[in-house]
Amino acid sequence: MLYDIKGELIMDRLTWLVFSFYREDLQMSKALIPIKSCKMSRGFGVINIECIDAEHLEEVSTLIDLLRLPLAALRLARQIVLNAPGHNEQMYPIQMTTQSDLLT
């Protein structure tokens, strides 16, 4: 978890990782703002993303392609699972990239 100087939670490590990956692209960083409200966790090849509600889940689901790239590059998971209270999970596979894929 990352905290500001007042001790308030800014974002978890996985969220920070995604923003760090796109740190030089201001448009991408702005597009990713909805994931700041999510709780991301990792376990057994899965990145779990807990959204606030169904509307937030739909907004985050449009960002899946932006989330896949950094997670695949670091081989952190094989699947992203989106959750929201009272709704079914949405699962998205992550195709692992090779080093040559990253250079193109």
N, C-alpha and C. Protein backbone atom coordinates (compact mmCIF):
# COMPACT_ATOMS: atom_id res chain seq x y z
N MET A 1 0.84 -1.18 0.00
CA MET A 1 0.00 0.00 0.00
C MET A 1 0.89 1.25 0.00
N LEU A 2 0.45 2.25 -0.71
CA LEU A 2 1.18 3.51 -0.76
C LEU A 2 0.35 4.57 -0.05
N TYR A 3 1.02 5.35 0.80
CA TYR A 3 0.34 6.36 1.60
C TYR A 3 0.95 7.72 1.35
N ASP A 4 0.14 8.78 1.51
CA ASP A 4 0.67 10.13 1.39
C ASP A 4 1.29 10.54 2.73
N ILE A 5 1.77 11.78 2.82
CA ILE A 5 2.46 12.21 4.04
C ILE A 5 1.54 12.29 5.25
N LYS A 6 0.24 12.35 5.03
CA LYS A 6 -0.72 12.36 6.13
C LYS A 6 -1.10 10.96 6.58
N GLY A 7 -0.57 9.94 5.88
CA GLY A 7 -0.87 8.57 6.24
C GLY A 7 -2.12 8.02 5.58
N GLU A 8 -2.68 8.76 4.62
CA GLU A 8 -3.88 8.30 3.92
C GLU A 8 -3.48 7.44 2.73
N LEU A 9 -4.25 6.40 2.50
CA LEU A 9 -3.98 5.48 1.40
C LEU A 9 -4.12 6.19 0.06
N ILE A 10 -3.08 6.09 -0.77
CA ILE A 10 -3.13 6.65 -2.12
C ILE A 10 -3.59 5.56 -3.09
N MET A 11 -2.87 4.46 -3.15
CA MET A 11 -3.24 3.33 -3.99
C MET A 11 -2.41 2.12 -3.58
N ASP A 12 -2.92 0.93 -3.91
CA ASP A 12 -2.18 -0.27 -3.58
C ASP A 12 -1.03 -0.47 -4.57
N ARG A 13 -0.18 -1.44 -4.33
CA ARG A 13 1.02 -1.65 -5.14
C ARG A 13 0.71 -2.01 -6.58
N LEU A 14 -0.29 -2.83 -6.80
CA LEU A 14 -0.63 -3.21 -8.18
C LEU A 14 -1.16 -2.03 -8.97
N THR A 15 -1.96 -1.20 -8.34
CA THR A 15 -2.46 0.00 -9.00
C THR A 15 -1.30 0.93 -9.31
N TRP A 16 -0.42 1.10 -8.35
CA TRP A 16 0.76 1.93 -8.55
C TRP A 16 1.61 1.40 -9.70
N LEU A 17 1.74 0.08 -9.79
CA LEU A 17 2.50 -0.54 -10.86
C LEU A 17 1.93 -0.16 -12.23
N VAL A 18 0.62 -0.21 -12.37
CA VAL A 18 -0.02 0.12 -13.64
C VAL A 18 0.22 1.60 -13.98
N PHE A 19 0.02 2.48 -13.01
CA PHE A 19 0.27 3.90 -13.26
C PHE A 19 1.74 4.17 -13.56
N SER A 20 2.61 3.47 -12.91
CA SER A 20 4.04 3.63 -13.16
C SER A 20 4.40 3.21 -14.58
N PHE A 21 3.77 2.15 -15.06
CA PHE A 21 4.01 1.66 -16.42
C PHE A 21 3.67 2.73 -17.46
N TYR A 22 2.62 3.50 -17.20
CA TYR A 22 2.16 4.53 -18.14
C TYR A 22 2.57 5.95 -17.70
N ARG A 23 3.54 6.07 -16.83
CA ARG A 23 3.87 7.36 -16.22
C ARG A 23 4.24 8.46 -17.23
N GLU A 24 4.76 8.09 -18.38
CA GLU A 24 5.17 9.10 -19.36
C GLU A 24 4.07 9.42 -20.37
N ASP A 25 2.94 8.78 -20.25
CA ASP A 25 1.82 9.02 -21.16
C ASP A 25 0.65 9.59 -20.37
N LEU A 26 0.53 10.91 -20.42
CA LEU A 26 -0.48 11.62 -19.63
C LEU A 26 -1.90 11.20 -20.00
N GLN A 27 -2.16 10.97 -21.29
CA GLN A 27 -3.50 10.55 -21.71
C GLN A 27 -3.87 9.19 -21.11
N MET A 28 -2.93 8.26 -21.12
CA MET A 28 -3.20 6.93 -20.54
C MET A 28 -3.42 7.05 -19.04
N SER A 29 -2.60 7.85 -18.39
CA SER A 29 -2.76 8.03 -16.94
C SER A 29 -4.13 8.60 -16.60
N LYS A 30 -4.59 9.54 -17.39
CA LYS A 30 -5.93 10.12 -17.17
C LYS A 30 -7.02 9.07 -17.41
N ALA A 31 -6.85 8.27 -18.45
CA ALA A 31 -7.84 7.24 -18.76
C ALA A 31 -7.95 6.21 -17.63
N LEU A 32 -6.84 5.98 -16.92
CA LEU A 32 -6.80 4.96 -15.87
C LEU A 32 -7.33 5.43 -14.51
N ILE A 33 -7.71 6.67 -14.40
CA ILE A 33 -8.17 7.21 -13.11
C ILE A 33 -9.23 6.34 -12.43
N PRO A 34 -10.18 5.73 -13.14
CA PRO A 34 -11.17 4.89 -12.45
C PRO A 34 -10.58 3.73 -11.63
N ILE A 35 -9.41 3.24 -12.00
CA ILE A 35 -8.86 2.12 -11.22
C ILE A 35 -8.29 2.57 -9.87
N LYS A 36 -8.14 3.86 -9.68
CA LYS A 36 -7.70 4.34 -8.37
C LYS A 36 -8.71 4.03 -7.28
N SER A 37 -9.96 3.88 -7.66
CA SER A 37 -11.03 3.58 -6.70
C SER A 37 -11.20 2.10 -6.45
N CYS A 38 -10.43 1.29 -7.15
CA CYS A 38 -10.52 -0.17 -7.02
C CYS A 38 -9.53 -0.67 -5.97
N LYS A 39 -9.81 -1.86 -5.50
CA LYS A 39 -8.86 -2.58 -4.67
C LYS A 39 -8.34 -3.74 -5.51
N MET A 40 -7.04 -3.77 -5.75
CA MET A 40 -6.44 -4.82 -6.56
C MET A 40 -5.64 -5.74 -5.66
N SER A 41 -5.75 -7.04 -5.92
CA SER A 41 -4.97 -8.03 -5.18
C SER A 41 -4.55 -9.13 -6.14
N ARG A 42 -3.55 -9.88 -5.73
CA ARG A 42 -2.99 -10.92 -6.59
C ARG A 42 -2.96 -12.23 -5.84
N GLY A 43 -3.31 -13.30 -6.55
CA GLY A 43 -3.23 -14.62 -5.95
C GLY A 43 -3.38 -15.73 -6.98
N PHE A 44 -2.46 -16.68 -6.96
CA PHE A 44 -2.52 -17.88 -7.80
C PHE A 44 -2.82 -17.58 -9.26
N GLY A 45 -2.04 -16.68 -9.86
CA GLY A 45 -2.18 -16.39 -11.28
C GLY A 45 -3.34 -15.50 -11.65
N VAL A 46 -3.97 -14.88 -10.66
CA VAL A 46 -5.15 -14.04 -10.91
C VAL A 46 -4.95 -12.67 -10.26
N ILE A 47 -5.29 -11.64 -11.00
CA ILE A 47 -5.38 -10.29 -10.43
C ILE A 47 -6.85 -10.03 -10.18
N ASN A 48 -7.23 -9.86 -8.93
CA ASN A 48 -8.61 -9.55 -8.55
C ASN A 48 -8.75 -8.04 -8.42
N ILE A 49 -9.74 -7.51 -9.08
CA ILE A 49 -10.02 -6.08 -9.01
C ILE A 49 -11.43 -5.90 -8.48
N GLU A 50 -11.52 -5.32 -7.30
CA GLU A 50 -12.82 -5.09 -6.66
C GLU A 50 -13.28 -3.67 -6.95
N CYS A 51 -14.40 -3.57 -7.64
CA CYS A 51 -14.97 -2.28 -8.01
C CYS A 51 -16.03 -1.86 -6.99
N ILE A 52 -16.36 -0.60 -7.01
CA ILE A 52 -17.29 -0.04 -6.04
C ILE A 52 -18.71 -0.56 -6.27
N ASP A 53 -19.16 -0.52 -7.53
CA ASP A 53 -20.51 -0.94 -7.88
C ASP A 53 -20.54 -1.36 -9.35
N ALA A 54 -21.72 -1.70 -9.85
CA ALA A 54 -21.85 -2.19 -11.22
C ALA A 54 -21.44 -1.14 -12.24
N GLU A 55 -21.79 0.10 -12.01
CA GLU A 55 -21.42 1.18 -12.94
C GLU A 55 -19.89 1.33 -13.00
N HIS A 56 -19.27 1.29 -11.85
CA HIS A 56 -17.81 1.39 -11.77
C HIS A 56 -17.16 0.19 -12.46
N LEU A 57 -17.73 -1.00 -12.28
CA LEU A 57 -17.22 -2.21 -12.92
C LEU A 57 -17.25 -2.06 -14.45
N GLU A 58 -18.34 -1.53 -14.98
CA GLU A 58 -18.44 -1.32 -16.43
C GLU A 58 -17.39 -0.33 -16.92
N GLU A 59 -17.16 0.70 -16.15
CA GLU A 59 -16.14 1.70 -16.51
C GLU A 59 -14.74 1.08 -16.51
N VAL A 60 -14.45 0.29 -15.49
CA VAL A 60 -13.14 -0.36 -15.39
C VAL A 60 -12.98 -1.42 -16.48
N SER A 61 -14.05 -2.10 -16.84
CA SER A 61 -13.95 -3.14 -17.87
C SER A 61 -13.51 -2.57 -19.22
N THR A 62 -13.75 -1.31 -19.46
CA THR A 62 -13.29 -0.68 -20.71
C THR A 62 -11.78 -0.46 -20.71
N LEU A 63 -11.16 -0.60 -19.55
CA LEU A 63 -9.71 -0.36 -19.42
C LEU A 63 -8.89 -1.65 -19.40
N ILE A 64 -9.53 -2.78 -19.61
CA ILE A 64 -8.85 -4.06 -19.51
C ILE A 64 -7.60 -4.14 -20.38
N ASP A 65 -7.69 -3.65 -21.61
CA ASP A 65 -6.52 -3.72 -22.49
C ASP A 65 -5.35 -2.92 -21.93
N LEU A 66 -5.63 -1.80 -21.27
CA LEU A 66 -4.56 -1.01 -20.65
C LEU A 66 -3.96 -1.73 -19.45
N LEU A 67 -4.77 -2.52 -18.76
CA LEU A 67 -4.29 -3.26 -17.59
C LEU A 67 -3.49 -4.49 -18.00
N ARG A 68 -3.88 -5.12 -19.09
CA ARG A 68 -3.21 -6.35 -19.53
C ARG A 68 -1.73 -6.16 -19.82
N LEU A 69 -1.38 -5.10 -20.50
CA LEU A 69 0.00 -4.93 -20.96
C LEU A 69 1.03 -4.93 -19.83
N PRO A 70 0.89 -4.10 -18.80
CA PRO A 70 1.90 -4.15 -17.73
C PRO A 70 1.87 -5.46 -16.94
N LEU A 71 0.70 -6.03 -16.75
CA LEU A 71 0.60 -7.28 -15.99
C LEU A 71 1.22 -8.44 -16.76
N ALA A 72 1.04 -8.44 -18.07
CA ALA A 72 1.63 -9.48 -18.92
C ALA A 72 3.15 -9.30 -19.02
N ALA A 73 3.58 -8.05 -19.15
CA ALA A 73 5.01 -7.78 -19.28
C ALA A 73 5.79 -8.28 -18.06
N LEU A 74 5.18 -8.18 -16.90
CA LEU A 74 5.83 -8.62 -15.66
C LEU A 74 5.43 -10.04 -15.27
N ARG A 75 4.59 -10.67 -16.08
CA ARG A 75 4.14 -12.04 -15.84
C ARG A 75 3.55 -12.23 -14.44
N LEU A 76 2.73 -11.28 -14.05
CA LEU A 76 2.15 -11.31 -12.71
C LEU A 76 0.92 -12.19 -12.60
N ALA A 77 0.24 -12.42 -13.72
CA ALA A 77 -0.99 -13.21 -13.66
C ALA A 77 -1.36 -13.70 -15.05
N ARG A 78 -2.27 -14.66 -15.06
CA ARG A 78 -2.78 -15.19 -16.32
C ARG A 78 -4.22 -14.75 -16.56
N GLN A 79 -4.79 -14.07 -15.57
CA GLN A 79 -6.19 -13.69 -15.68
C GLN A 79 -6.48 -12.48 -14.80
N ILE A 80 -7.38 -11.63 -15.28
CA ILE A 80 -7.90 -10.50 -14.49
C ILE A 80 -9.36 -10.83 -14.18
N VAL A 81 -9.73 -10.67 -12.93
CA VAL A 81 -11.12 -10.90 -12.52
C VAL A 81 -11.66 -9.61 -11.92
N LEU A 82 -12.74 -9.10 -12.52
CA LEU A 82 -13.42 -7.91 -12.00
C LEU A 82 -14.60 -8.34 -11.15
N ASN A 83 -14.75 -7.70 -10.00
CA ASN A 83 -15.85 -7.98 -9.07
C ASN A 83 -16.53 -6.68 -8.68
N ALA A 84 -17.82 -6.78 -8.41
CA ALA A 84 -18.58 -5.68 -7.81
C ALA A 84 -19.64 -6.32 -6.92
N PRO A 85 -19.97 -5.68 -5.82
CA PRO A 85 -20.97 -6.26 -4.92
C PRO A 85 -22.28 -6.57 -5.65
N GLY A 86 -22.76 -7.81 -5.48
CA GLY A 86 -24.03 -8.21 -6.05
C GLY A 86 -24.01 -8.54 -7.53
N HIS A 87 -22.82 -8.63 -8.13
CA HIS A 87 -22.72 -8.92 -9.57
C HIS A 87 -21.77 -10.08 -9.81
N ASN A 88 -22.00 -10.76 -10.94
CA ASN A 88 -21.13 -11.87 -11.32
C ASN A 88 -19.73 -11.36 -11.68
N GLU A 89 -18.76 -12.21 -11.43
CA GLU A 89 -17.38 -11.89 -11.81
C GLU A 89 -17.26 -11.81 -13.32
N GLN A 90 -16.39 -10.92 -13.77
CA GLN A 90 -16.03 -10.86 -15.19
C GLN A 90 -14.57 -11.26 -15.27
N MET A 91 -14.27 -12.25 -16.13
CA MET A 91 -12.91 -12.78 -16.24
C MET A 91 -12.32 -12.44 -17.60
N TYR A 92 -11.06 -12.00 -17.57
CA TYR A 92 -10.35 -11.62 -18.78
C TYR A 92 -8.98 -12.30 -18.78
N PRO A 93 -8.68 -13.09 -19.81
CA PRO A 93 -7.38 -13.74 -19.86
C PRO A 93 -6.26 -12.74 -20.17
N ILE A 94 -5.07 -13.06 -19.69
CA ILE A 94 -3.88 -12.28 -20.00
C ILE A 94 -2.94 -13.20 -20.77
N GLN A 95 -2.64 -12.83 -21.99
CA GLN A 95 -1.71 -13.63 -22.77
C GLN A 95 -0.30 -13.17 -22.43
N MET A 96 0.53 -14.13 -22.01
CA MET A 96 1.90 -13.81 -21.66
C MET A 96 2.67 -13.38 -22.90
N THR A 97 3.45 -12.33 -22.76
CA THR A 97 4.25 -11.84 -23.87
C THR A 97 5.67 -12.37 -23.78
N THR A 98 6.33 -12.37 -24.90
CA THR A 98 7.74 -12.72 -24.92
C THR A 98 8.54 -11.42 -24.97
N GLN A 99 9.81 -11.49 -24.72
CA GLN A 99 10.66 -10.31 -24.74
C GLN A 99 10.59 -9.61 -26.09
N SER A 100 10.55 -10.38 -27.19
CA SER A 100 10.50 -9.77 -28.51
C SER A 100 9.19 -9.03 -28.75
N ASP A 101 8.08 -9.49 -28.15
CA ASP A 101 6.81 -8.81 -28.27
C ASP A 101 6.86 -7.41 -27.67
N LEU A 102 7.60 -7.27 -26.59
CA LEU A 102 7.68 -5.99 -25.90
C LEU A 102 8.49 -4.96 -26.69
N LEU A 103 9.37 -5.43 -27.55
CA LEU A 103 10.23 -4.53 -28.30
C LEU A 103 9.58 -4.00 -29.57
N THR A 104 8.44 -4.56 -29.94
CA THR A 104 7.78 -4.09 -31.17
C THR A 104 6.70 -3.10 -30.89
